[in-house]
Amino acid sequence: MIIKHFSYIAWVIENNLETLKVYKMSKFGALKDLVMSLEADFSKFYEKGNSAAGTRVRKGMQDLKNMAQDIRKEVQDMKNS
């Protein structure tokens, strides 16, 4: 009976670790998606002088900074645990 419980616990831990890995990598994907979504606004601002695009670039860069800071903190916490 105890062995069945340990097997089940090991299975749950293993599946949760895989889910966690996918979740962590999805953060990286979200970071890449955000950078790529800003490409057109960068072009409009720097090449055409569109000030509204500059505002969107600034907002996007602030979002990028916040996402990066969250990931940085998470990595540091994992490293120190």
N, C-alpha and C. Protein backbone atom coordinates (compact mmCIF):
# COMPACT_ATOMS: atom_id res chain seq x y z
N MET A 1 0.83 -1.19 0.00
CA MET A 1 0.00 0.00 0.00
C MET A 1 0.87 1.26 0.00
N ILE A 2 1.88 1.30 0.85
CA ILE A 2 2.76 2.47 0.94
C ILE A 2 3.51 2.68 -0.37
N ILE A 3 3.94 1.60 -1.00
CA ILE A 3 4.66 1.70 -2.26
C ILE A 3 3.77 2.33 -3.33
N LYS A 4 2.48 1.98 -3.35
CA LYS A 4 1.57 2.58 -4.32
C LYS A 4 1.46 4.08 -4.09
N HIS A 5 1.42 4.51 -2.83
CA HIS A 5 1.33 5.94 -2.53
C HIS A 5 2.60 6.67 -2.99
N PHE A 6 3.76 6.07 -2.75
CA PHE A 6 5.01 6.70 -3.18
C PHE A 6 5.09 6.76 -4.70
N SER A 7 4.61 5.73 -5.36
CA SER A 7 4.60 5.74 -6.82
C SER A 7 3.71 6.84 -7.34
N TYR A 8 2.55 6.98 -6.73
CA TYR A 8 1.62 8.02 -7.14
C TYR A 8 2.22 9.41 -6.89
N ILE A 9 2.83 9.59 -5.72
CA ILE A 9 3.44 10.88 -5.38
C ILE A 9 4.56 11.21 -6.37
N ALA A 10 5.38 10.21 -6.70
CA ALA A 10 6.46 10.42 -7.67
C ALA A 10 5.89 10.80 -9.03
N TRP A 11 4.80 10.15 -9.44
CA TRP A 11 4.16 10.46 -10.71
C TRP A 11 3.63 11.89 -10.73
N VAL A 12 2.97 12.31 -9.64
CA VAL A 12 2.43 13.67 -9.55
C VAL A 12 3.55 14.69 -9.61
N ILE A 13 4.63 14.45 -8.88
CA ILE A 13 5.77 15.38 -8.88
C ILE A 13 6.36 15.48 -10.27
N GLU A 14 6.56 14.35 -10.92
CA GLU A 14 7.15 14.34 -12.25
C GLU A 14 6.28 15.11 -13.24
N ASN A 15 4.98 14.88 -13.21
CA ASN A 15 4.07 15.59 -14.13
C ASN A 15 4.02 17.08 -13.82
N ASN A 16 4.05 17.44 -12.57
CA ASN A 16 4.02 18.86 -12.21
C ASN A 16 5.31 19.55 -12.62
N LEU A 17 6.43 18.87 -12.53
CA LEU A 17 7.70 19.46 -12.97
C LEU A 17 7.68 19.71 -14.47
N GLU A 18 7.12 18.79 -15.23
CA GLU A 18 7.01 18.99 -16.68
C GLU A 18 6.11 20.18 -16.98
N THR A 19 5.00 20.28 -16.27
CA THR A 19 4.09 21.40 -16.46
C THR A 19 4.79 22.70 -16.11
N LEU A 20 5.56 22.70 -15.05
CA LEU A 20 6.30 23.88 -14.62
C LEU A 20 7.31 24.30 -15.69
N LYS A 21 8.01 23.33 -16.28
CA LYS A 21 8.98 23.63 -17.33
C LYS A 21 8.30 24.28 -18.52
N VAL A 22 7.15 23.75 -18.90
CA VAL A 22 6.41 24.32 -20.04
C VAL A 22 5.99 25.75 -19.70
N TYR A 23 5.51 25.96 -18.47
CA TYR A 23 5.09 27.28 -18.03
C TYR A 23 6.26 28.26 -18.09
N LYS A 24 7.42 27.85 -17.61
CA LYS A 24 8.59 28.72 -17.62
C LYS A 24 8.97 29.08 -19.05
N MET A 25 8.95 28.12 -19.95
CA MET A 25 9.31 28.39 -21.32
C MET A 25 8.25 29.25 -22.00
N SER A 26 7.01 29.17 -21.54
CA SER A 26 5.99 30.02 -22.14
C SER A 26 6.26 31.49 -21.79
N LYS A 27 6.89 31.73 -20.65
CA LYS A 27 7.28 33.10 -20.30
C LYS A 27 8.31 33.61 -21.30
N PHE A 28 9.24 32.76 -21.66
CA PHE A 28 10.24 33.14 -22.66
C PHE A 28 9.56 33.43 -23.99
N GLY A 29 8.60 32.61 -24.37
CA GLY A 29 7.85 32.83 -25.59
C GLY A 29 7.09 34.15 -25.56
N ALA A 30 6.51 34.47 -24.41
CA ALA A 30 5.77 35.73 -24.28
C ALA A 30 6.72 36.91 -24.42
N LEU A 31 7.93 36.76 -23.88
CA LEU A 31 8.93 37.81 -23.99
C LEU A 31 9.30 38.04 -25.46
N LYS A 32 9.54 36.94 -26.17
CA LYS A 32 9.87 37.05 -27.60
C LYS A 32 8.72 37.65 -28.38
N ASP A 33 7.49 37.22 -28.07
CA ASP A 33 6.32 37.74 -28.78
C ASP A 33 6.19 39.25 -28.59
N LEU A 34 6.44 39.70 -27.37
CA LEU A 34 6.34 41.14 -27.09
C LEU A 34 7.36 41.91 -27.91
N VAL A 35 8.59 41.44 -27.94
CA VAL A 35 9.64 42.12 -28.71
C VAL A 35 9.26 42.16 -30.20
N MET A 36 8.79 41.04 -30.71
CA MET A 36 8.43 40.99 -32.13
C MET A 36 7.23 41.88 -32.44
N SER A 37 6.32 42.02 -31.48
CA SER A 37 5.14 42.85 -31.72
C SER A 37 5.49 44.33 -31.80
N LEU A 38 6.63 44.71 -31.29
CA LEU A 38 7.05 46.11 -31.31
C LEU A 38 7.78 46.51 -32.58
N GLU A 39 8.11 45.55 -33.40
CA GLU A 39 8.92 45.82 -34.58
C GLU A 39 8.30 46.88 -35.50
N ALA A 40 7.03 46.75 -35.79
CA ALA A 40 6.38 47.71 -36.70
C ALA A 40 6.37 49.12 -36.10
N ASP A 41 6.12 49.22 -34.80
CA ASP A 41 6.11 50.54 -34.17
C ASP A 41 7.50 51.16 -34.13
N PHE A 42 8.53 50.34 -33.93
CA PHE A 42 9.91 50.86 -33.99
C PHE A 42 10.16 51.46 -35.36
N SER A 43 9.75 50.72 -36.39
CA SER A 43 9.96 51.19 -37.76
C SER A 43 9.20 52.49 -38.01
N LYS A 44 7.94 52.53 -37.60
CA LYS A 44 7.13 53.74 -37.80
C LYS A 44 7.73 54.94 -37.08
N PHE A 45 8.25 54.70 -35.89
CA PHE A 45 8.80 55.81 -35.12
C PHE A 45 10.13 56.28 -35.68
N TYR A 46 11.07 55.36 -35.86
CA TYR A 46 12.43 55.75 -36.27
C TYR A 46 12.54 56.10 -37.74
N GLU A 47 11.76 55.47 -38.59
CA GLU A 47 11.89 55.72 -40.03
C GLU A 47 10.92 56.78 -40.53
N LYS A 48 9.74 56.88 -39.90
CA LYS A 48 8.72 57.80 -40.40
C LYS A 48 8.40 58.92 -39.43
N GLY A 49 8.99 58.88 -38.23
CA GLY A 49 8.77 59.95 -37.27
C GLY A 49 7.38 59.97 -36.65
N ASN A 50 6.69 58.85 -36.64
CA ASN A 50 5.33 58.76 -36.09
C ASN A 50 5.40 58.79 -34.56
N SER A 51 4.95 59.89 -33.97
CA SER A 51 5.08 60.03 -32.51
C SER A 51 4.16 59.09 -31.74
N ALA A 52 3.00 58.75 -32.30
CA ALA A 52 2.11 57.79 -31.63
C ALA A 52 2.78 56.42 -31.54
N ALA A 53 3.52 56.06 -32.58
CA ALA A 53 4.26 54.80 -32.56
C ALA A 53 5.34 54.85 -31.48
N GLY A 54 5.94 56.02 -31.30
CA GLY A 54 6.94 56.18 -30.24
C GLY A 54 6.34 55.94 -28.87
N THR A 55 5.12 56.40 -28.66
CA THR A 55 4.43 56.17 -27.39
C THR A 55 4.20 54.68 -27.18
N ARG A 56 3.78 53.99 -28.25
CA ARG A 56 3.57 52.54 -28.14
C ARG A 56 4.88 51.81 -27.88
N VAL A 57 5.97 52.28 -28.47
CA VAL A 57 7.28 51.68 -28.23
C VAL A 57 7.67 51.85 -26.75
N ARG A 58 7.48 53.05 -26.24
CA ARG A 58 7.82 53.30 -24.84
C ARG A 58 7.00 52.41 -23.91
N LYS A 59 5.70 52.27 -24.18
CA LYS A 59 4.85 51.42 -23.36
C LYS A 59 5.30 49.96 -23.46
N GLY A 60 5.56 49.52 -24.69
CA GLY A 60 6.02 48.15 -24.89
C GLY A 60 7.33 47.87 -24.19
N MET A 61 8.23 48.84 -24.22
CA MET A 61 9.52 48.66 -23.55
C MET A 61 9.35 48.62 -22.04
N GLN A 62 8.41 49.37 -21.50
CA GLN A 62 8.13 49.31 -20.06
C GLN A 62 7.56 47.94 -19.70
N ASP A 63 6.67 47.42 -20.54
CA ASP A 63 6.13 46.07 -20.31
C ASP A 63 7.25 45.03 -20.37
N LEU A 64 8.14 45.20 -21.32
CA LEU A 64 9.29 44.29 -21.46
C LEU A 64 10.16 44.35 -20.21
N LYS A 65 10.41 45.54 -19.72
CA LYS A 65 11.22 45.70 -18.50
C LYS A 65 10.57 44.98 -17.32
N ASN A 66 9.25 45.15 -17.18
CA ASN A 66 8.55 44.51 -16.07
C ASN A 66 8.56 42.99 -16.19
N MET A 67 8.35 42.48 -17.41
CA MET A 67 8.40 41.03 -17.61
C MET A 67 9.80 40.50 -17.30
N ALA A 68 10.81 41.19 -17.78
CA ALA A 68 12.19 40.76 -17.55
C ALA A 68 12.51 40.77 -16.05
N GLN A 69 12.05 41.78 -15.35
CA GLN A 69 12.29 41.86 -13.91
C GLN A 69 11.61 40.71 -13.18
N ASP A 70 10.39 40.37 -13.57
CA ASP A 70 9.69 39.25 -12.94
C ASP A 70 10.44 37.94 -13.17
N ILE A 71 10.89 37.73 -14.40
CA ILE A 71 11.64 36.51 -14.71
C ILE A 71 12.96 36.49 -13.96
N ARG A 72 13.63 37.63 -13.91
CA ARG A 72 14.90 37.73 -13.19
C ARG A 72 14.73 37.36 -11.72
N LYS A 73 13.68 37.86 -11.09
CA LYS A 73 13.41 37.56 -9.69
C LYS A 73 13.12 36.06 -9.51
N GLU A 74 12.34 35.51 -10.41
CA GLU A 74 12.02 34.09 -10.34
C GLU A 74 13.26 33.22 -10.45
N VAL A 75 14.14 33.57 -11.39
CA VAL A 75 15.38 32.82 -11.58
C VAL A 75 16.24 32.92 -10.32
N GLN A 76 16.34 34.11 -9.77
CA GLN A 76 17.14 34.31 -8.56
C GLN A 76 16.58 33.49 -7.40
N ASP A 77 15.26 33.48 -7.25
CA ASP A 77 14.64 32.70 -6.17
C ASP A 77 14.90 31.21 -6.35
N MET A 78 14.80 30.73 -7.60
CA MET A 78 15.06 29.31 -7.86
C MET A 78 16.52 28.97 -7.60
N LYS A 79 17.39 29.87 -7.97
CA LYS A 79 18.83 29.64 -7.79
C LYS A 79 19.19 29.56 -6.32
N ASN A 80 18.54 30.40 -5.52
CA ASN A 80 18.87 30.47 -4.09
C ASN A 80 18.13 29.44 -3.24
N SER A 81 17.18 28.72 -3.83
CA SER A 81 16.43 27.74 -3.00
C SER A 81 17.09 26.39 -3.00
